[in-house]
């Protein structure tokens, strides 16, 4: 028996991990980054959705008078961004099930500084307070 068979994906999920997966609130498959400070102690995982449609998001944020810091741009295989106003949530058990079924594939982690900027953007943005608390570890 392989000793790793007894381990669950939830033993390894950490802030900055990126998964390629579908989410019920997002059309199609996207890269999504885990934003919780301590996902191992949370039942809900906060996800930032990576997009390459950066100009569309810039325009949306500008037209809606949102702080420019709520759009974090970076390079991830190609120029990408996370709109911190539109973070998603998923129950940890659902994410783990997707990992087990091969419906969520782990990808290259985001750099710590990029994650820090995204978390700052979430705090400044229009995400629900309970999700802001999770990314700041205030619960």
C-alpha atoms as a PDB file:
ATOM      1  CA  UNK A   1       0.000   0.000   0.000  1.00  0.00           C
ATOM      2  CA  UNK A   2       1.207   3.467  -0.887  1.00  0.00           C
ATOM      3  CA  UNK A   3       1.464   5.628   2.295  1.00  0.00           C
ATOM      4  CA  UNK A   4       0.165   8.630   0.337  1.00  0.00           C
ATOM      5  CA  UNK A   5      -3.163   6.882  -0.373  1.00  0.00           C
ATOM      6  CA  UNK A   6      -4.381   7.788   3.116  1.00  0.00           C
ATOM      7  CA  UNK A   7      -3.721  11.499   2.576  1.00  0.00           C
ATOM      8  CA  UNK A   8      -6.480  13.820   1.452  1.00  0.00           C
ATOM      9  CA  UNK A   9      -6.069  16.800  -0.878  1.00  0.00           C
ATOM     10  CA  UNK A  10      -7.229  19.029   1.967  1.00  0.00           C
ATOM     11  CA  UNK A  11      -3.961  18.137   3.733  1.00  0.00           C
ATOM     12  CA  UNK A  12      -2.103  20.012   0.990  1.00  0.00           C
ATOM     13  CA  UNK A  13      -4.303  22.929  -0.172  1.00  0.00           C
ATOM     14  CA  UNK A  14      -2.596  26.221   0.645  1.00  0.00           C
ATOM     15  CA  UNK A  15      -2.804  29.899  -0.192  1.00  0.00           C
ATOM     16  CA  UNK A  16      -1.435  30.563  -3.671  1.00  0.00           C
ATOM     17  CA  UNK A  17      -2.267  27.128  -5.074  1.00  0.00           C
ATOM     18  CA  UNK A  18      -3.770  27.337  -8.557  1.00  0.00           C
ATOM     19  CA  UNK A  19      -6.258  24.855  -9.952  1.00  0.00           C
ATOM     20  CA  UNK A  20      -7.541  24.511 -13.509  1.00  0.00           C
ATOM     21  CA  UNK A  21     -11.229  23.746 -13.035  1.00  0.00           C
ATOM     22  CA  UNK A  22     -14.850  24.634 -13.604  1.00  0.00           C
ATOM     23  CA  UNK A  23     -16.901  26.564 -11.059  1.00  0.00           C
ATOM     24  CA  UNK A  24     -20.675  26.772 -11.076  1.00  0.00           C
ATOM     25  CA  UNK A  25     -20.585  30.601 -11.152  1.00  0.00           C
ATOM     26  CA  UNK A  26     -18.044  30.874 -13.994  1.00  0.00           C
ATOM     27  CA  UNK A  27     -18.487  29.962 -17.652  1.00  0.00           C
ATOM     28  CA  UNK A  28     -15.967  27.392 -18.825  1.00  0.00           C
ATOM     29  CA  UNK A  29     -12.729  26.147 -17.337  1.00  0.00           C
ATOM     30  CA  UNK A  30     -10.431  28.695 -15.673  1.00  0.00           C
ATOM     31  CA  UNK A  31      -7.341  28.851 -13.542  1.00  0.00           C
ATOM     32  CA  UNK A  32      -8.382  29.719  -9.982  1.00  0.00           C
ATOM     33  CA  UNK A  33      -6.121  30.673  -7.089  1.00  0.00           C
ATOM     34  CA  UNK A  34      -6.725  29.782  -3.421  1.00  0.00           C
ATOM     35  CA  UNK A  35      -6.791  32.990  -1.366  1.00  0.00           C
ATOM     36  CA  UNK A  36      -7.545  31.780   2.173  1.00  0.00           C
ATOM     37  CA  UNK A  37      -4.714  32.436   4.624  1.00  0.00           C
ATOM     38  CA  UNK A  38      -5.410  29.091   6.349  1.00  0.00           C
ATOM     39  CA  UNK A  39      -7.458  26.868   4.043  1.00  0.00           C
ATOM     40  CA  UNK A  40      -6.754  23.856   6.253  1.00  0.00           C
ATOM     41  CA  UNK A  41      -8.923  25.401   8.990  1.00  0.00           C
ATOM     42  CA  UNK A  42     -11.721  26.648   6.689  1.00  0.00           C
ATOM     43  CA  UNK A  43     -14.738  24.826   5.318  1.00  0.00           C
ATOM     44  CA  UNK A  44     -15.028  27.415   2.526  1.00  0.00           C
ATOM     45  CA  UNK A  45     -12.249  28.104   0.038  1.00  0.00           C
ATOM     46  CA  UNK A  46     -12.059  31.574  -1.539  1.00  0.00           C
ATOM     47  CA  UNK A  47     -10.939  31.537  -5.171  1.00  0.00           C
ATOM     48  CA  UNK A  48      -9.690  34.310  -7.410  1.00  0.00           C
ATOM     49  CA  UNK A  49     -10.477  33.665 -11.077  1.00  0.00           C
ATOM     50  CA  UNK A  50      -7.645  34.308 -13.523  1.00  0.00           C
ATOM     51  CA  UNK A  51      -8.577  36.034 -16.763  1.00  0.00           C
ATOM     52  CA  UNK A  52      -6.677  37.083 -19.851  1.00  0.00           C
ATOM     53  CA  UNK A  53      -9.402  39.604 -20.808  1.00  0.00           C
ATOM     54  CA  UNK A  54      -7.565  42.316 -18.923  1.00  0.00           C
ATOM     55  CA  UNK A  55      -8.826  45.329 -20.881  1.00  0.00           C
ATOM     56  CA  UNK A  56     -12.454  44.264 -20.349  1.00  0.00           C
ATOM     57  CA  UNK A  57     -11.861  44.068 -16.590  1.00  0.00           C
ATOM     58  CA  UNK A  58     -10.049  47.440 -16.544  1.00  0.00           C
ATOM     59  CA  UNK A  59     -12.996  49.043 -18.301  1.00  0.00           C
ATOM     60  CA  UNK A  60     -15.526  47.391 -15.941  1.00  0.00           C
ATOM     61  CA  UNK A  61     -13.630  48.561 -12.845  1.00  0.00           C
ATOM     62  CA  UNK A  62     -13.209  52.085 -14.205  1.00  0.00           C
ATOM     63  CA  UNK A  63     -16.880  52.412 -15.251  1.00  0.00           C
ATOM     64  CA  UNK A  64     -18.052  51.143 -11.862  1.00  0.00           C
ATOM     65  CA  UNK A  65     -15.734  53.498  -9.930  1.00  0.00           C
ATOM     66  CA  UNK A  66     -13.967  50.629  -8.174  1.00  0.00           C
ATOM     67  CA  UNK A  67     -10.443  51.070  -6.787  1.00  0.00           C
ATOM     68  CA  UNK A  68      -7.843  50.268  -9.473  1.00  0.00           C
ATOM     69  CA  UNK A  69      -6.006  48.082  -6.920  1.00  0.00           C
ATOM     70  CA  UNK A  70      -8.894  45.606  -7.191  1.00  0.00           C
ATOM     71  CA  UNK A  71      -7.542  44.458 -10.558  1.00  0.00           C
ATOM     72  CA  UNK A  72      -4.234  42.692 -10.050  1.00  0.00           C
ATOM     73  CA  UNK A  73      -2.247  42.085 -13.235  1.00  0.00           C
ATOM     74  CA  UNK A  74       0.619  39.600 -13.544  1.00  0.00           C
ATOM     75  CA  UNK A  75       2.149  37.048 -15.874  1.00  0.00           C
ATOM     76  CA  UNK A  76       0.925  33.452 -15.602  1.00  0.00           C
ATOM     77  CA  UNK A  77       1.819  31.543 -18.781  1.00  0.00           C
ATOM     78  CA  UNK A  78       0.614  34.773 -20.467  1.00  0.00           C
ATOM     79  CA  UNK A  79      -0.580  38.202 -19.267  1.00  0.00           C
ATOM     80  CA  UNK A  80      -3.367  37.598 -16.739  1.00  0.00           C
ATOM     81  CA  UNK A  81      -5.324  39.342 -14.024  1.00  0.00           C
ATOM     82  CA  UNK A  82      -7.658  38.691 -11.109  1.00  0.00           C
ATOM     83  CA  UNK A  83     -10.648  40.960 -10.562  1.00  0.00           C
ATOM     84  CA  UNK A  84     -10.742  41.025  -6.768  1.00  0.00           C
ATOM     85  CA  UNK A  85     -14.375  42.182  -6.807  1.00  0.00           C
ATOM     86  CA  UNK A  86     -15.560  38.888  -8.256  1.00  0.00           C
ATOM     87  CA  UNK A  87     -13.939  36.224  -6.082  1.00  0.00           C
ATOM     88  CA  UNK A  88     -15.763  32.904  -5.819  1.00  0.00           C
ATOM     89  CA  UNK A  89     -16.241  30.421  -3.029  1.00  0.00           C
ATOM     90  CA  UNK A  90     -16.356  26.645  -2.963  1.00  0.00           C
ATOM     91  CA  UNK A  91     -16.803  24.223  -0.098  1.00  0.00           C
ATOM     92  CA  UNK A  92     -13.508  22.539   0.692  1.00  0.00           C
ATOM     93  CA  UNK A  93     -15.168  19.116   0.427  1.00  0.00           C
ATOM     94  CA  UNK A  94     -16.353  19.950  -3.111  1.00  0.00           C
ATOM     95  CA  UNK A  95     -12.876  21.097  -4.150  1.00  0.00           C
ATOM     96  CA  UNK A  96     -11.336  17.924  -2.689  1.00  0.00           C
ATOM     97  CA  UNK A  97     -13.892  15.810  -4.543  1.00  0.00           C
ATOM     98  CA  UNK A  98     -13.029  17.603  -7.799  1.00  0.00           C
ATOM     99  CA  UNK A  99      -9.332  16.925  -7.167  1.00  0.00           C
ATOM    100  CA  UNK A 100      -9.995  13.218  -6.516  1.00  0.00           C
ATOM    101  CA  UNK A 101     -12.101  12.944  -9.687  1.00  0.00           C
ATOM    102  CA  UNK A 102      -9.506  14.748 -11.813  1.00  0.00           C
ATOM    103  CA  UNK A 103     -11.883  17.703 -12.334  1.00  0.00           C
ATOM    104  CA  UNK A 104      -9.482  20.154 -10.648  1.00  0.00           C
ATOM    105  CA  UNK A 105      -5.888  19.951 -11.790  1.00  0.00           C
ATOM    106  CA  UNK A 106      -3.138  21.581  -9.757  1.00  0.00           C
ATOM    107  CA  UNK A 107      -1.033  24.070 -11.675  1.00  0.00           C
ATOM    108  CA  UNK A 108       1.931  26.350 -11.024  1.00  0.00           C
ATOM    109  CA  UNK A 109       1.569  28.305  -7.742  1.00  0.00           C
ATOM    110  CA  UNK A 110       1.322  32.074  -7.840  1.00  0.00           C
ATOM    111  CA  UNK A 111       4.197  34.054  -6.402  1.00  0.00           C
ATOM    112  CA  UNK A 112       3.726  35.203  -2.809  1.00  0.00           C
ATOM    113  CA  UNK A 113       3.846  38.887  -3.742  1.00  0.00           C
ATOM    114  CA  UNK A 114       1.133  38.416  -6.376  1.00  0.00           C
ATOM    115  CA  UNK A 115      -1.099  36.622  -3.862  1.00  0.00           C
ATOM    116  CA  UNK A 116      -0.489  39.430  -1.350  1.00  0.00           C
ATOM    117  CA  UNK A 117      -1.652  42.000  -3.926  1.00  0.00           C
ATOM    118  CA  UNK A 118      -4.757  39.951  -4.741  1.00  0.00           C
ATOM    119  CA  UNK A 119      -5.660  39.623  -1.052  1.00  0.00           C
ATOM    120  CA  UNK A 120      -5.192  43.394  -0.639  1.00  0.00           C
ATOM    121  CA  UNK A 121      -7.472  43.931  -3.647  1.00  0.00           C
ATOM    122  CA  UNK A 122     -10.131  41.649  -2.168  1.00  0.00           C
ATOM    123  CA  UNK A 123     -10.067  43.624   1.083  1.00  0.00           C
ATOM    124  CA  UNK A 124     -10.482  46.917  -0.847  1.00  0.00           C
ATOM    125  CA  UNK A 125     -13.090  45.522  -3.227  1.00  0.00           C
ATOM    126  CA  UNK A 126     -16.746  44.613  -3.181  1.00  0.00           C
ATOM    127  CA  UNK A 127     -16.488  40.968  -2.098  1.00  0.00           C
ATOM    128  CA  UNK A 128     -18.771  39.933   0.786  1.00  0.00           C
ATOM    129  CA  UNK A 129     -17.254  40.645   4.211  1.00  0.00           C
ATOM    130  CA  UNK A 130     -17.239  36.958   5.200  1.00  0.00           C
ATOM    131  CA  UNK A 131     -14.945  36.198   2.227  1.00  0.00           C
ATOM    132  CA  UNK A 132     -12.732  39.165   3.088  1.00  0.00           C
ATOM    133  CA  UNK A 133     -12.456  37.715   6.605  1.00  0.00           C
ATOM    134  CA  UNK A 134     -11.302  34.351   5.232  1.00  0.00           C
ATOM    135  CA  UNK A 135      -8.543  35.876   3.120  1.00  0.00           C
ATOM    136  CA  UNK A 136      -7.392  37.875   6.152  1.00  0.00           C
ATOM    137  CA  UNK A 137      -7.839  34.937   8.583  1.00  0.00           C
ATOM    138  CA  UNK A 138     -10.279  36.926  10.750  1.00  0.00           C
ATOM    139  CA  UNK A 139     -12.753  34.121  11.433  1.00  0.00           C
END
